[in-house]
N, C-alpha and C. Protein backbone atom coordinates (compact mmCIF):
# COMPACT_ATOMS: atom_id res chain seq x y z
N MET A 1 72.62 325.87 38.37
CA MET A 1 71.52 327.10 38.49
C MET A 1 71.44 328.17 37.20
N ILE A 2 72.95 328.54 37.15
CA ILE A 2 73.29 329.77 35.88
C ILE A 2 72.96 328.96 34.58
N GLU A 3 73.28 327.67 34.17
CA GLU A 3 72.77 326.98 33.22
C GLU A 3 70.90 327.06 33.01
N TYR A 4 70.30 326.98 33.84
CA TYR A 4 69.05 327.15 33.92
C TYR A 4 68.51 328.18 33.66
N LEU A 5 69.12 329.11 34.01
CA LEU A 5 68.66 331.03 34.26
C LEU A 5 69.21 331.28 32.57
N ASP A 6 69.82 330.18 31.69
CA ASP A 6 70.97 330.83 30.93
C ASP A 6 69.53 330.25 29.69
N ARG A 7 69.30 329.10 30.08
CA ARG A 7 68.43 328.55 28.88
C ARG A 7 66.46 329.02 29.23
N LYS A 8 66.39 329.43 30.46
CA LYS A 8 65.08 330.29 30.91
C LYS A 8 65.43 331.45 29.51
N SER A 9 66.65 332.36 29.62
CA SER A 9 66.74 333.50 29.20
C SER A 9 66.28 333.65 27.66
N LYS A 10 66.73 332.14 27.23
CA LYS A 10 66.74 332.21 25.69
C LYS A 10 65.28 331.27 25.27
N GLY A 11 64.57 331.01 26.19
CA GLY A 11 63.29 331.05 25.95
C GLY A 11 63.13 328.91 26.19
N LYS A 12 63.89 328.63 26.42
CA LYS A 12 63.84 327.18 26.75
C LYS A 12 63.72 326.64 27.95
N THR A 13 62.49 326.38 27.92
CA THR A 13 62.18 325.90 30.00
C THR A 13 62.86 324.57 30.03
N GLU A 14 63.22 324.27 30.99
CA GLU A 14 64.13 323.01 31.03
C GLU A 14 63.52 322.25 32.65
N LYS A 15 63.40 321.16 32.76
CA LYS A 15 62.96 320.81 33.99
C LYS A 15 64.14 319.68 34.66
N ILE A 16 64.31 320.33 35.80
CA ILE A 16 65.68 320.26 36.27
C ILE A 16 65.45 318.91 37.29
N ASP A 17 66.08 318.03 36.86
CA ASP A 17 65.86 316.31 37.00
C ASP A 17 67.34 316.06 36.90
N LYS A 18 67.58 314.69 37.29
CA LYS A 18 68.99 313.93 37.23
C LYS A 18 69.59 314.04 35.89
N LYS A 19 68.73 313.77 34.86
CA LYS A 19 69.66 313.99 33.32
C LYS A 19 70.21 315.35 33.18
N PHE A 20 68.93 316.60 33.90
CA PHE A 20 69.76 317.93 33.25
C PHE A 20 71.40 317.79 34.11
N ILE A 21 70.95 317.43 35.60
CA ILE A 21 72.30 317.60 36.60
C ILE A 21 73.55 317.17 35.95
N HIS A 22 73.51 315.83 35.30
CA HIS A 22 74.56 315.09 35.03
C HIS A 22 74.97 315.69 33.34
N ARG A 23 73.90 316.54 32.68
CA ARG A 23 74.58 317.02 31.42
C ARG A 23 74.80 318.33 31.78
N THR A 24 74.76 319.22 32.56
CA THR A 24 75.18 320.65 33.45
C THR A 24 76.85 320.36 34.10
N ASN A 25 76.74 318.82 34.91
CA ASN A 25 78.12 318.84 35.38
C ASN A 25 78.92 318.06 34.24
N ASP A 26 78.75 317.72 33.31
CA ASP A 26 79.44 317.13 32.11
C ASP A 26 80.35 318.36 31.42
N LYS A 27 78.85 319.08 30.99
CA LYS A 27 79.93 320.27 30.19
C LYS A 27 80.62 321.45 30.96
N HIS A 28 80.49 321.56 32.27
CA HIS A 28 81.27 322.51 32.83
C HIS A 28 82.18 322.06 33.91
N PHE A 29 81.92 321.03 34.51
CA PHE A 29 83.12 320.49 35.64
C PHE A 29 83.68 319.24 34.97
N LYS A 30 84.13 318.78 34.04
CA LYS A 30 84.21 317.86 33.53
C LYS A 30 85.75 317.60 33.59
N GLN A 31 86.43 319.16 33.49
CA GLN A 31 87.56 319.09 33.52
C GLN A 31 88.05 318.91 35.00
N LEU A 32 87.23 319.68 35.78
CA LEU A 32 87.81 319.81 37.42
C LEU A 32 87.48 318.23 37.87
N LYS A 33 86.35 317.85 37.46
CA LYS A 33 86.78 316.13 38.07
C LYS A 33 87.85 315.67 37.62
N ASN A 34 88.54 315.85 36.39
CA ASN A 34 89.61 315.12 35.94
C ASN A 34 90.96 315.67 37.03
N SER A 35 90.70 316.86 37.46
CA SER A 35 91.71 317.24 38.53
C SER A 35 91.38 316.77 39.49
N ILE A 36 90.58 316.79 40.39
CA ILE A 36 90.32 316.18 41.65
C ILE A 36 90.90 314.85 41.22
N ASP A 37 90.22 313.88 40.03
CA ASP A 37 90.17 312.30 40.33
C ASP A 37 91.72 312.50 40.08
N PHE A 38 93.02 313.30 39.42
CA PHE A 38 93.98 313.26 39.53
C PHE A 38 94.79 313.56 40.80
N VAL A 39 94.13 314.77 41.83
CA VAL A 39 95.17 315.21 42.78
C VAL A 39 95.06 313.66 44.02
N ASN A 40 93.56 313.45 43.61
CA ASN A 40 93.21 311.93 44.44
C ASN A 40 94.13 310.32 44.42
N GLN A 41 94.75 310.18 42.66
CA GLN A 41 95.18 309.46 42.61
C GLN A 41 96.86 310.06 42.79
N SER A 42 96.91 311.09 42.65
CA SER A 42 98.36 311.42 43.44
C SER A 42 98.61 311.15 44.96
N LYS A 43 97.10 311.45 45.86
CA LYS A 43 97.49 311.45 47.05
C LYS A 43 97.49 309.59 47.30
N LEU A 44 96.59 309.01 47.12
CA LEU A 44 97.08 307.73 47.07
C LEU A 44 98.40 307.12 46.48
N GLU A 45 99.11 307.32 45.41
CA GLU A 45 100.35 307.46 45.08
C GLU A 45 101.31 307.50 45.84
N GLU A 46 100.79 309.02 46.41
CA GLU A 46 102.33 309.19 48.17
C GLU A 46 101.93 308.28 48.86
N GLU A 47 100.53 308.15 49.26
CA GLU A 47 100.27 307.33 50.69
C GLU A 47 101.10 305.73 50.42
N ALA A 48 101.16 305.03 49.13
CA ALA A 48 101.48 303.92 48.53
C ALA A 48 103.07 304.41 49.16
N ASP A 49 103.22 305.57 48.57
CA ASP A 49 105.00 305.46 48.65
C ASP A 49 105.81 305.45 49.89
N ILE A 50 104.70 306.24 50.53
CA ILE A 50 105.20 306.09 52.31
C ILE A 50 104.94 305.27 53.28
N GLU A 51 104.51 304.33 52.68
CA GLU A 51 104.17 302.66 53.21
C GLU A 51 105.12 302.12 52.82
N ILE A 52 105.84 302.06 51.04
CA ILE A 52 106.69 300.99 51.01
C ILE A 52 108.20 301.39 51.74
N MET A 53 108.44 302.82 51.86
CA MET A 53 109.53 303.79 52.34
C MET A 53 109.54 303.39 54.03
N GLU A 54 108.50 303.10 54.49
CA GLU A 54 108.37 302.62 56.10
C GLU A 54 108.59 301.24 56.30
N ASN A 55 108.26 300.40 55.42
CA ASN A 55 108.48 298.77 54.99
C ASN A 55 110.13 298.36 54.69
N ALA A 56 110.47 299.50 53.86
CA ALA A 56 111.78 299.50 53.38
C ALA A 56 112.62 299.95 54.85
N ALA A 57 112.17 300.51 55.55
CA ALA A 57 113.35 301.12 56.75
C ALA A 57 112.86 299.98 57.58
N LEU A 58 112.20 299.49 58.13
CA LEU A 58 112.03 298.18 58.75
C LEU A 58 112.62 296.97 58.05
N ASP A 59 112.47 297.01 56.80
CA ASP A 59 113.46 295.53 56.55
C ASP A 59 114.71 296.03 56.86
N LYS A 60 115.49 297.01 56.67
CA LYS A 60 116.72 297.65 56.88
C LYS A 60 117.23 297.26 58.34
N ASN A 61 116.42 297.76 59.29
CA ASN A 61 116.67 297.39 60.44
C ASN A 61 117.02 296.17 61.09
N GLU A 62 115.64 295.24 60.38
CA GLU A 62 115.79 293.73 60.43
C GLU A 62 116.88 292.98 60.20
N TYR A 63 117.39 293.55 58.61
CA TYR A 63 118.56 293.10 58.16
C TYR A 63 120.02 293.74 58.29
N GLU A 64 119.84 294.95 59.00
CA GLU A 64 121.41 295.74 59.54
C GLU A 64 122.58 294.55 60.09
N MET A 65 123.68 294.60 59.74
CA MET A 65 124.78 294.37 60.18
C MET A 65 124.88 294.54 62.21
N PRO A 66 125.08 294.03 62.82
CA PRO A 66 125.18 294.21 64.04
C PRO A 66 126.48 295.02 64.07
N LYS A 67 126.31 295.65 65.04
CA LYS A 67 127.66 296.65 65.46
C LYS A 67 128.44 295.81 66.05
N VAL A 68 129.83 296.01 66.21
CA VAL A 68 130.85 294.61 66.75
C VAL A 68 131.71 295.44 67.12
N ASN A 69 132.34 295.22 68.37
CA ASN A 69 133.70 295.76 68.58
C ASN A 69 135.03 295.19 67.98
N ILE A 70 135.23 296.19 67.63
CA ILE A 70 136.72 295.60 66.59
C ILE A 70 138.03 295.24 67.86
N GLY A 71 137.78 295.95 69.18
CA GLY A 71 139.04 295.33 69.64
C GLY A 71 138.57 293.80 70.03
N ASN A 72 137.50 293.23 69.95
CA ASN A 72 137.29 292.36 70.83
C ASN A 72 137.41 291.13 69.42
N LEU A 73 137.28 291.66 68.22
CA LEU A 73 137.63 290.48 66.94
C LEU A 73 139.01 290.44 67.33
N THR A 74 139.80 291.51 67.33
CA THR A 74 141.46 291.23 66.71
C THR A 74 141.80 290.72 68.37
N TYR A 75 141.36 290.54 69.13
CA TYR A 75 141.97 289.47 70.45
C TYR A 75 141.44 288.38 70.39
N GLU A 76 139.95 288.15 69.76
CA GLU A 76 140.02 286.92 69.61
C GLU A 76 140.47 286.36 68.27
N SER A 77 141.15 286.92 67.47
CA SER A 77 141.93 286.53 66.13
C SER A 77 143.17 286.27 66.67
N LYS A 78 143.70 286.56 67.43
CA LYS A 78 144.78 286.75 67.86
C LYS A 78 144.97 285.31 68.77
N VAL A 79 144.37 285.35 69.64
CA VAL A 79 143.99 284.51 70.63
C VAL A 79 143.74 283.01 69.83
N THR A 80 143.02 282.89 69.05
CA THR A 80 142.73 281.58 67.84
C THR A 80 143.63 281.52 67.03
N LYS A 81 144.35 282.41 67.00
CA LYS A 81 146.07 282.23 65.84
C LYS A 81 146.91 281.33 66.87
N HIS A 82 146.76 281.66 68.17
CA HIS A 82 147.85 281.38 69.02
C HIS A 82 147.58 279.88 69.58
N VAL A 83 146.09 279.54 69.94
CA VAL A 83 146.13 278.19 70.30
C VAL A 83 145.83 277.28 69.07
N LEU A 84 145.48 277.91 67.78
CA LEU A 84 145.62 277.13 66.55
C LEU A 84 147.08 276.47 66.60
N ASN A 85 148.07 277.25 67.04
CA ASN A 85 149.34 276.66 66.68
C ASN A 85 149.84 275.63 67.89
N MET A 86 149.34 276.25 68.98
CA MET A 86 149.64 274.97 70.24
C MET A 86 148.85 273.51 69.87
N ILE A 87 147.43 273.58 69.46
CA ILE A 87 146.84 272.47 69.21
C ILE A 87 147.63 271.65 68.07
N ARG A 88 147.54 272.27 67.34
CA ARG A 88 148.07 271.40 66.10
C ARG A 88 148.97 270.57 65.70
N THR A 89 149.95 271.42 67.04
CA THR A 89 151.03 271.13 66.78
C THR A 89 151.25 269.39 67.59
N LEU A 90 150.40 269.40 68.91
CA LEU A 90 150.27 268.06 69.54
C LEU A 90 149.23 267.36 69.06
N HIS A 91 147.77 267.89 68.60
CA HIS A 91 146.63 266.68 67.93
C HIS A 91 146.55 267.77 66.70
N PRO A 92 147.03 266.25 66.05
CA PRO A 92 147.05 267.05 63.97
C PRO A 92 145.53 266.69 64.37
N GLU A 93 144.97 265.70 64.61
CA GLU A 93 143.85 265.47 64.34
C GLU A 93 142.55 266.07 64.69
N TYR A 94 142.59 267.21 65.06
CA TYR A 94 141.52 267.95 64.98
C TYR A 94 141.90 269.20 63.76
N SER A 95 140.87 269.35 63.30
CA SER A 95 140.69 270.18 62.13
C SER A 95 141.15 272.16 62.94
N SER A 96 141.33 272.34 61.55
CA SER A 96 141.22 274.26 62.50
C SER A 96 140.17 274.60 62.91
N ASP A 97 139.20 274.26 62.21
CA ASP A 97 137.40 274.96 62.39
C ASP A 97 136.96 274.52 63.59
N ASP A 98 137.55 273.28 63.85
CA ASP A 98 136.92 272.21 65.02
C ASP A 98 137.23 273.17 66.12
N ILE A 99 139.05 273.28 66.16
CA ILE A 99 139.52 274.32 67.35
C ILE A 99 139.13 275.68 67.12
N THR A 100 138.46 276.09 66.49
CA THR A 100 137.91 277.50 66.31
C THR A 100 137.06 277.44 67.16
N ARG A 101 136.27 276.52 66.71
CA ARG A 101 134.80 276.84 67.59
C ARG A 101 135.34 276.25 68.88
N ALA A 102 135.57 275.69 69.22
CA ALA A 102 136.32 275.34 70.37
C ALA A 102 136.73 276.71 71.20
N VAL A 103 137.53 277.48 70.54
CA VAL A 103 138.37 278.57 71.39
C VAL A 103 136.97 279.18 71.65
N LYS A 104 136.43 279.56 70.82
CA LYS A 104 134.89 280.44 70.52
C LYS A 104 134.07 280.30 72.11
N GLU A 105 134.09 279.16 71.88
CA GLU A 105 132.85 278.70 73.29
C GLU A 105 133.96 278.98 74.60
N ILE A 106 135.42 279.28 74.77
CA ILE A 106 135.65 279.38 75.60
C ILE A 106 135.96 280.46 75.55
N LEU A 107 136.07 281.36 74.63
CA LEU A 107 136.10 282.96 74.87
C LEU A 107 134.81 283.60 75.23
N SER A 108 133.41 282.59 74.94
CA SER A 108 132.37 283.23 74.94
C SER A 108 131.58 282.97 76.85
N GLU A 109 132.58 282.49 77.32
CA GLU A 109 133.03 282.41 78.89
C GLU A 109 132.93 283.39 79.41
N GLU A 110 132.27 284.13 80.64
CA GLU A 110 132.69 284.66 81.56
C GLU A 110 133.92 284.98 81.81
N GLY A 111 134.85 286.17 82.07
CA GLY A 111 135.99 286.18 82.13
C GLY A 111 137.24 285.77 81.61
N SER A 112 136.66 285.22 80.11
CA SER A 112 137.80 284.61 79.56
C SER A 112 138.81 285.39 78.96
N ARG A 113 138.69 287.05 79.01
CA ARG A 113 140.02 287.81 78.85
C ARG A 113 140.87 287.85 79.71
N GLN A 114 140.42 287.60 80.98
CA GLN A 114 141.22 287.62 82.01
C GLN A 114 142.28 286.58 81.97
N ARG A 115 142.31 285.45 81.27
CA ARG A 115 142.85 284.06 81.66
C ARG A 115 143.86 284.03 80.60
N ARG A 116 145.01 283.28 80.57
CA ARG A 116 146.48 283.43 79.37
C ARG A 116 145.74 282.52 78.69
N VAL A 117 146.36 282.52 77.33
CA VAL A 117 146.83 281.89 76.09
C VAL A 117 146.53 280.37 76.53
N ASP A 118 147.52 279.94 77.36
CA ASP A 118 147.57 278.70 78.19
C ASP A 118 146.21 278.26 78.07
N GLU A 119 145.93 278.89 79.39
CA GLU A 119 144.46 278.01 79.73
C GLU A 119 143.53 278.20 78.98
N ILE A 120 143.16 278.91 78.03
CA ILE A 120 142.03 279.09 76.99
C ILE A 120 142.55 277.53 76.13
N ALA A 121 143.81 277.60 76.19
CA ALA A 121 144.03 276.02 74.77
C ALA A 121 143.94 275.45 75.85
N ARG A 122 144.08 275.10 77.04
CA ARG A 122 143.25 273.87 77.84
C ARG A 122 142.25 273.32 77.70
N GLY A 123 141.70 274.52 77.62
CA GLY A 123 139.77 274.57 77.75
C GLY A 123 139.64 274.29 76.25
N ALA A 124 139.83 274.62 75.32
CA ALA A 124 139.70 274.47 74.03
C ALA A 124 139.89 273.20 73.61
N LEU A 125 140.51 272.21 74.13
CA LEU A 125 141.27 270.94 74.25
C LEU A 125 140.02 270.14 74.83
N ASP A 126 139.86 271.03 76.21
CA ASP A 126 138.77 270.22 76.94
C ASP A 126 137.27 270.05 76.15
N VAL A 127 137.22 270.97 75.87
CA VAL A 127 136.08 270.89 74.60
C VAL A 127 136.12 270.28 73.41
N LEU A 128 137.60 270.03 72.84
CA LEU A 128 137.70 268.94 71.53
C LEU A 128 137.88 267.58 72.06
N MET A 129 138.04 267.29 73.49
CA MET A 129 137.92 265.77 73.66
C MET A 129 136.89 265.49 74.55
N GLY A 130 136.14 266.57 74.64
CA GLY A 130 134.52 266.27 75.16
C GLY A 130 134.31 265.87 76.53
N ASN A 131 135.54 266.36 77.41
CA ASN A 131 135.95 266.50 78.88
C ASN A 131 135.06 267.31 79.60
N PRO A 132 134.42 267.16 80.56
CA PRO A 132 133.27 268.03 81.14
C PRO A 132 134.28 269.25 81.47
N ARG A 133 133.20 270.05 81.42
CA ARG A 133 134.35 271.93 81.97
C ARG A 133 133.96 271.91 83.54
N PRO A 134 134.69 272.63 83.93
CA PRO A 134 134.55 272.53 85.26
C PRO A 134 133.70 274.21 85.51
N LYS A 135 132.52 274.10 86.42
CA LYS A 135 132.05 275.22 86.27
C LYS A 135 132.70 276.42 87.43
N LYS A 136 133.07 277.59 87.04
CA LYS A 136 133.63 278.22 87.84
C LYS A 136 132.78 279.25 88.92
N LYS A 137 133.38 279.12 90.06
CA LYS A 137 132.71 279.11 91.62
C LYS A 137 132.72 280.53 91.28
N LYS A 138 131.29 281.11 92.21
CA LYS A 138 131.47 282.71 92.10
C LYS A 138 131.96 282.81 93.58
N ALA A 139 133.06 284.02 93.47
CA ALA A 139 133.73 284.85 95.02
C ALA A 139 132.52 285.19 95.72
N VAL A 140 132.00 284.54 97.24
CA VAL A 140 131.59 284.62 97.85
C VAL A 140 131.92 286.12 98.74
N PRO A 141 131.26 287.31 99.21
CA PRO A 141 132.00 288.35 99.81
C PRO A 141 132.16 287.52 101.12
N LYS A 142 132.61 288.22 101.78
CA LYS A 142 133.24 287.61 103.65
C LYS A 142 131.55 288.31 104.21
N SER A 143 130.94 287.40 105.02
CA SER A 143 129.64 288.35 105.49
C SER A 143 130.35 289.40 107.03
N LYS A 144 129.22 290.50 106.61
CA LYS A 144 129.82 291.39 107.32
C LYS A 144 129.00 291.83 108.65
N PRO A 145 129.60 291.94 109.76
CA PRO A 145 128.89 291.94 111.19
C PRO A 145 127.47 292.77 111.20
N LEU A 146 126.49 292.33 111.86
CA LEU A 146 125.30 293.23 112.00
C LEU A 146 125.89 294.51 112.69
N SER A 147 124.98 295.47 112.48
CA SER A 147 125.72 296.70 113.01
C SER A 147 125.40 296.57 115.04
N LYS A 148 124.49 295.49 115.15
CA LYS A 148 124.17 295.17 116.83
C LYS A 148 125.84 294.70 117.37
N ASN A 149 126.09 293.68 116.76
CA ASN A 149 127.12 292.95 116.44
C ASN A 149 128.42 293.48 116.48
N ILE A 150 128.59 294.82 116.21
CA ILE A 150 130.16 295.62 115.44
C ILE A 150 130.87 295.69 116.94
N CYS A 151 130.00 295.89 118.19
CA CYS A 151 131.53 296.07 119.49
C CYS A 151 131.71 294.21 119.65
N ASP A 152 131.06 293.11 119.42
CA ASP A 152 131.47 292.23 119.64
C ASP A 152 132.63 291.80 118.66
N TYR A 153 132.34 291.91 117.18
CA TYR A 153 133.55 291.85 115.95
C TYR A 153 134.56 292.52 116.33
N ILE A 154 134.54 293.63 116.78
CA ILE A 154 135.69 294.85 117.34
C ILE A 154 136.57 294.22 119.00
N SER A 155 135.86 293.26 119.16
CA SER A 155 136.27 293.13 120.47
C SER A 155 137.09 291.62 120.37
N LEU A 156 136.55 290.84 119.04
CA LEU A 156 137.04 289.61 118.86
C LEU A 156 138.62 289.88 117.99
N ASP A 157 138.76 291.01 117.16
CA ASP A 157 139.64 291.04 116.74
C ASP A 157 140.82 291.39 117.30
N ASN A 158 140.76 291.96 118.66
CA ASN A 158 141.51 293.00 119.25
C ASN A 158 142.07 291.63 120.31
N THR A 159 141.68 290.73 120.52
CA THR A 159 141.89 290.06 121.59
C THR A 159 143.02 288.95 121.20
């Protein structure tokens, strides 16, 4: 609008059309357009950087080493060393790797921490020889009397 009025004051009549608008835009707003393009490009780059960082965080979590209990590793290492010495002296045909795998298999069973080293060695030897491992039976709690039979239960204990 200012450009039109400026030209009119100079005695030049101008028809406002597409050509006039583009010429005026290029004359007055070219730097502004470049600045806007720069800001838009910066925003696009920033969004791309954020996406890269999010993907990197996901990849990091995917490949992060699992947290292990140092006490379990120490216990497992000591037991494996003792079992290796016990089995190697009696059965030199088994490699250290095979014995270690067998020990890990035994230690992965529930309740293995309560077992003695010689029991773990027997279990590892069973695994190495291919003997079937007996399944441990779970302790079944004694049945408790129902409340209506409590009097009968007490009288049976006292007689």
